[in-house]
């Protein structure tokens, strides 16, 4: 789907941005900058707002760890891209704040149903893969989601995992990411100015994971095998360093 493609593009773009910014090899700029422009154009054309949000969050991590003053460039670059983008992209981007948007209403309805499931099955959830069978029982009466549509996930990693695997499962899931963040940050702190290529991999990994989780607030990225496989690969980079 386009969301899967957008998730992959977001991760690849963040790793490209960190290579350009840290300039691990100056010769790489000959092809990384054109590649970055091409990836950005492709990501915009997917019209996937959650991936755009993940990209912006990941760029904040990269710029902030490189030079804090560069954080000011993030909204400026986003504004320039928005101004240069076609009208359809602008409309799609501005619809993020529109609660009347049908996709926003669908997500709010799904999240509400997910919270009700968690209340009924707080510790163990309804079981992995059981959402498609159980969702109709918790569908909101005024839900804008097509009743004939098969709902397999709730477009949110945290709500989905808590509803399927319970709060115990969610706690274990969060512990994995917390452990990753703790150990990766310790690795980053041990890297000095002369460790440019290594630092680029570590920072890129952290930015990618942050971007993955920001996108996961609006999409079930943890259940997307292509996206999570690449995320696992990027998670391993600091430990290779």
Protein backbone atom coordinates (compact mmCIF):
# COMPACT_ATOMS: atom_id res chain seq x y z
CA UNK A 1 0.00 0.00 0.00
CA UNK A 2 1.00 3.64 -0.26
CA UNK A 3 1.36 3.83 3.55
CA UNK A 4 3.87 0.98 3.52
CA UNK A 5 5.79 2.69 0.71
CA UNK A 6 5.69 6.00 2.57
CA UNK A 7 6.98 4.37 5.77
CA UNK A 8 9.93 2.87 3.89
CA UNK A 9 10.67 6.17 2.13
CA UNK A 10 10.61 8.02 5.46
CA UNK A 11 13.21 5.70 7.01
CA UNK A 12 15.46 5.81 3.95
CA UNK A 13 15.20 9.59 3.76
CA UNK A 14 16.20 10.03 7.40
CA UNK A 15 19.29 7.87 6.87
CA UNK A 16 20.10 9.92 3.76
CA UNK A 17 19.66 13.22 5.62
CA UNK A 18 22.07 12.12 8.33
CA UNK A 19 24.66 11.09 5.73
CA UNK A 20 24.41 14.51 4.03
CA UNK A 21 24.54 16.43 7.31
CA UNK A 22 27.42 14.52 8.87
CA UNK A 23 29.23 14.36 5.50
CA UNK A 24 30.78 11.00 6.24
CA UNK A 25 32.29 11.05 2.73
CA UNK A 26 32.20 14.27 0.71
CA UNK A 27 32.13 12.37 -2.58
CA UNK A 28 28.80 10.87 -1.52
CA UNK A 29 27.15 14.30 -1.82
CA UNK A 30 27.27 13.97 -5.61
CA UNK A 31 24.58 11.29 -5.44
CA UNK A 32 23.06 11.63 -1.95
CA UNK A 33 21.66 15.14 -2.53
CA UNK A 34 19.90 14.23 -5.83
CA UNK A 35 18.67 11.03 -4.16
CA UNK A 36 17.36 13.07 -1.24
CA UNK A 37 15.38 15.34 -3.55
CA UNK A 38 13.94 12.35 -5.41
CA UNK A 39 12.96 10.54 -2.20
CA UNK A 40 11.34 13.72 -0.85
CA UNK A 41 9.29 14.14 -4.01
CA UNK A 42 8.19 10.50 -3.88
CA UNK A 43 7.26 10.79 -0.19
CA UNK A 44 5.20 13.91 -0.86
CA UNK A 45 3.36 12.18 -3.71
CA UNK A 46 2.26 9.33 -1.44
CA UNK A 47 0.17 11.98 0.39
CA UNK A 48 0.74 10.06 3.63
CA UNK A 49 0.60 12.64 6.42
CA UNK A 50 1.71 10.28 9.18
CA UNK A 51 4.98 9.59 7.34
CA UNK A 52 5.48 13.34 6.84
CA UNK A 53 5.11 13.84 10.60
CA UNK A 54 7.58 11.02 11.25
CA UNK A 55 10.07 12.60 8.85
CA UNK A 56 9.83 16.00 10.55
CA UNK A 57 10.29 14.43 14.00
CA UNK A 58 13.29 12.40 12.81
CA UNK A 59 14.86 15.49 11.22
CA UNK A 60 14.46 17.34 14.54
CA UNK A 61 16.48 14.56 16.23
CA UNK A 62 19.20 14.67 13.55
CA UNK A 63 19.51 18.46 13.48
CA UNK A 64 19.27 18.80 17.26
CA UNK A 65 22.07 16.31 17.89
CA UNK A 66 24.26 17.79 15.15
CA UNK A 67 23.78 21.49 15.99
CA UNK A 68 20.86 22.74 18.05
CA UNK A 69 20.63 25.94 16.01
CA UNK A 70 19.72 23.83 12.97
CA UNK A 71 16.40 23.00 14.65
CA UNK A 72 15.24 26.42 13.45
CA UNK A 73 15.73 25.20 9.89
CA UNK A 74 13.15 22.40 10.23
CA UNK A 75 9.99 24.58 10.13
CA UNK A 76 11.62 26.80 7.50
CA UNK A 77 12.42 23.88 5.18
CA UNK A 78 8.94 22.42 5.77
CA UNK A 79 7.39 25.77 4.83
CA UNK A 80 9.48 26.06 1.67
CA UNK A 81 8.58 22.53 0.60
CA UNK A 82 4.90 23.25 1.26
CA UNK A 83 5.01 26.44 -0.81
CA UNK A 84 6.70 24.67 -3.73
CA UNK A 85 4.46 21.60 -3.58
CA UNK A 86 1.46 21.12 -5.92
CA UNK A 87 -1.94 22.29 -4.71
CA UNK A 88 -3.14 18.74 -3.92
CA UNK A 89 -0.18 18.26 -1.55
CA UNK A 90 -0.89 21.59 0.16
CA UNK A 91 -4.54 20.68 0.70
CA UNK A 92 -3.54 17.27 2.07
CA UNK A 93 -0.99 18.80 4.47
CA UNK A 94 -3.38 21.47 5.77
CA UNK A 95 -6.08 18.84 6.36
CA UNK A 96 -4.03 17.52 9.31
CA UNK A 97 -5.74 20.11 11.55
CA UNK A 98 -9.23 19.42 10.14
CA UNK A 99 -11.23 17.25 12.56
CA UNK A 100 -14.03 17.04 9.99
CA UNK A 101 -11.76 15.20 7.57
CA UNK A 102 -13.14 11.69 6.97
CA UNK A 103 -9.82 9.94 7.69
CA UNK A 104 -9.46 11.90 10.95
CA UNK A 105 -12.99 10.90 11.96
CA UNK A 106 -12.31 7.25 11.10
CA UNK A 107 -9.18 7.20 13.24
CA UNK A 108 -10.88 8.90 16.19
CA UNK A 109 -13.69 6.35 15.96
CA UNK A 110 -11.23 3.43 15.83
CA UNK A 111 -9.24 4.77 18.78
CA UNK A 112 -12.43 5.17 20.81
CA UNK A 113 -13.37 1.57 20.05
CA UNK A 114 -9.86 0.47 20.99
CA UNK A 115 -10.05 2.20 24.36
CA UNK A 116 -13.33 0.41 25.09
CA UNK A 117 -11.69 -2.93 24.24
CA UNK A 118 -8.82 -2.15 26.62
CA UNK A 119 -11.31 -1.38 29.39
CA UNK A 120 -12.98 -4.75 28.92
CA UNK A 121 -9.74 -6.76 28.48
CA UNK A 122 -7.13 -4.67 30.33
CA UNK A 123 -4.47 -7.30 31.09
CA UNK A 124 -4.41 -9.79 28.23
CA UNK A 125 -6.32 -8.06 25.45
CA UNK A 126 -8.51 -9.89 22.94
CA UNK A 127 -5.60 -11.86 21.47
CA UNK A 128 -3.18 -11.37 18.61
CA UNK A 129 -4.91 -11.20 15.25
CA UNK A 130 -8.37 -11.18 16.85
CA UNK A 131 -9.20 -7.55 16.06
CA UNK A 132 -10.91 -8.38 12.77
CA UNK A 133 -13.33 -10.70 14.61
CA UNK A 134 -13.95 -8.51 17.67
CA UNK A 135 -14.03 -4.98 16.26
CA UNK A 136 -17.68 -5.04 15.14
CA UNK A 137 -18.77 -5.58 18.77
CA UNK A 138 -17.07 -2.31 19.74
CA UNK A 139 -17.83 -0.24 16.66
CA UNK A 140 -19.06 3.27 17.53
CA UNK A 141 -22.79 3.75 16.68
CA UNK A 142 -22.00 6.84 14.60
CA UNK A 143 -18.75 5.46 13.17
CA UNK A 144 -17.90 6.85 9.71
CA UNK A 145 -16.09 3.59 8.90
CA UNK A 146 -17.85 1.50 6.25
CA UNK A 147 -19.62 -1.38 8.12
CA UNK A 148 -18.57 -3.78 5.35
CA UNK A 149 -14.92 -2.84 5.76
CA UNK A 150 -12.82 -5.44 7.59
CA UNK A 151 -10.91 -3.72 10.41
CA UNK A 152 -7.72 -5.57 11.26
CA UNK A 153 -5.97 -2.77 13.15
CA UNK A 154 -6.72 0.56 14.81
CA UNK A 155 -4.21 2.88 13.09
CA UNK A 156 -2.23 3.39 16.30
CA UNK A 157 0.58 1.19 17.61
CA UNK A 158 -0.02 1.76 21.32
CA UNK A 159 -3.81 1.32 21.23
CA UNK A 160 -3.55 -1.69 18.92
CA UNK A 161 -0.99 -3.51 21.07
CA UNK A 162 -2.85 -2.74 24.30
CA UNK A 163 -6.16 -3.93 22.78
CA UNK A 164 -4.70 -7.15 21.32
CA UNK A 165 -2.03 -8.02 23.89
CA UNK A 166 -3.27 -6.17 26.98
CA UNK A 167 -1.42 -3.75 29.23
CA UNK A 168 1.07 -6.50 30.12
CA UNK A 169 1.96 -6.89 26.47
CA UNK A 170 2.14 -3.12 26.02
CA UNK A 171 4.51 -2.82 29.01
CA UNK A 172 6.83 -5.45 27.49
CA UNK A 173 6.69 -3.70 24.11
CA UNK A 174 7.53 -0.32 25.63
CA UNK A 175 10.35 -1.89 27.65
CA UNK A 176 12.02 -3.10 24.45
CA UNK A 177 12.02 0.40 22.97
CA UNK A 178 13.13 1.94 26.27
CA UNK A 179 16.06 -0.49 26.46
CA UNK A 180 17.00 0.34 22.88
CA UNK A 181 16.92 4.08 23.62
CA UNK A 182 18.97 3.74 26.82
CA UNK A 183 21.74 1.62 25.30
CA UNK A 184 21.84 3.58 22.03
CA UNK A 185 22.20 6.86 23.88
CA UNK A 186 25.10 5.44 25.91
CA UNK A 187 26.79 4.40 22.67
CA UNK A 188 26.24 7.88 21.22
CA UNK A 189 27.75 9.58 24.27
CA UNK A 190 30.97 7.55 23.90
CA UNK A 191 31.52 8.75 20.31
CA UNK A 192 33.83 11.72 19.83
CA UNK A 193 34.17 14.30 17.02
CA UNK A 194 36.52 11.99 15.09
CA UNK A 195 33.87 9.25 14.88
CA UNK A 196 31.84 10.92 12.12
CA UNK A 197 30.72 7.83 10.16
CA UNK A 198 29.88 5.90 13.33
CA UNK A 199 27.99 8.86 14.80
CA UNK A 200 25.98 9.19 11.57
CA UNK A 201 24.79 5.57 11.87
CA UNK A 202 23.86 5.96 15.54
CA UNK A 203 22.03 9.27 15.07
CA UNK A 204 20.31 7.95 11.94
CA UNK A 205 19.15 4.90 13.85
CA UNK A 206 17.68 6.99 16.68
CA UNK A 207 16.00 9.39 14.26
CA UNK A 208 14.51 6.49 12.29
CA UNK A 209 13.08 4.87 15.41
CA UNK A 210 11.59 8.20 16.56
CA UNK A 211 10.10 8.72 13.10
CA UNK A 212 8.72 5.18 13.16
CA UNK A 213 6.96 5.83 16.47
CA UNK A 214 5.58 9.23 15.44
CA UNK A 215 4.14 7.69 12.28
CA UNK A 216 2.85 4.88 14.50
CA UNK A 217 0.58 7.33 16.33
CA UNK A 218 -1.60 7.41 13.21
CA UNK A 219 -0.83 4.08 11.55
CA UNK A 220 -0.14 0.52 12.78
CA UNK A 221 3.48 0.55 11.61
CA UNK A 222 4.45 -2.27 14.00
CA UNK A 223 2.16 -4.60 12.05
CA UNK A 224 3.61 -3.65 8.66
CA UNK A 225 6.22 -6.34 7.98
CA UNK A 226 8.16 -4.35 5.37
CA UNK A 227 8.45 -1.26 7.58
CA UNK A 228 9.22 -3.08 10.83
CA UNK A 229 11.86 -5.27 9.14
CA UNK A 230 13.76 -2.18 7.97
CA UNK A 231 13.29 -0.61 11.42
CA UNK A 232 14.82 -3.69 13.08
CA UNK A 233 17.80 -3.42 10.72
CA UNK A 234 18.29 0.25 11.57
CA UNK A 235 17.93 -0.51 15.29
CA UNK A 236 20.94 -2.84 15.02
CA UNK A 237 23.31 -0.22 13.59
CA UNK A 238 24.38 1.36 16.95
CA UNK A 239 25.28 -2.07 18.29
CA UNK A 240 27.38 -2.80 15.21
CA UNK A 241 29.20 0.46 15.90
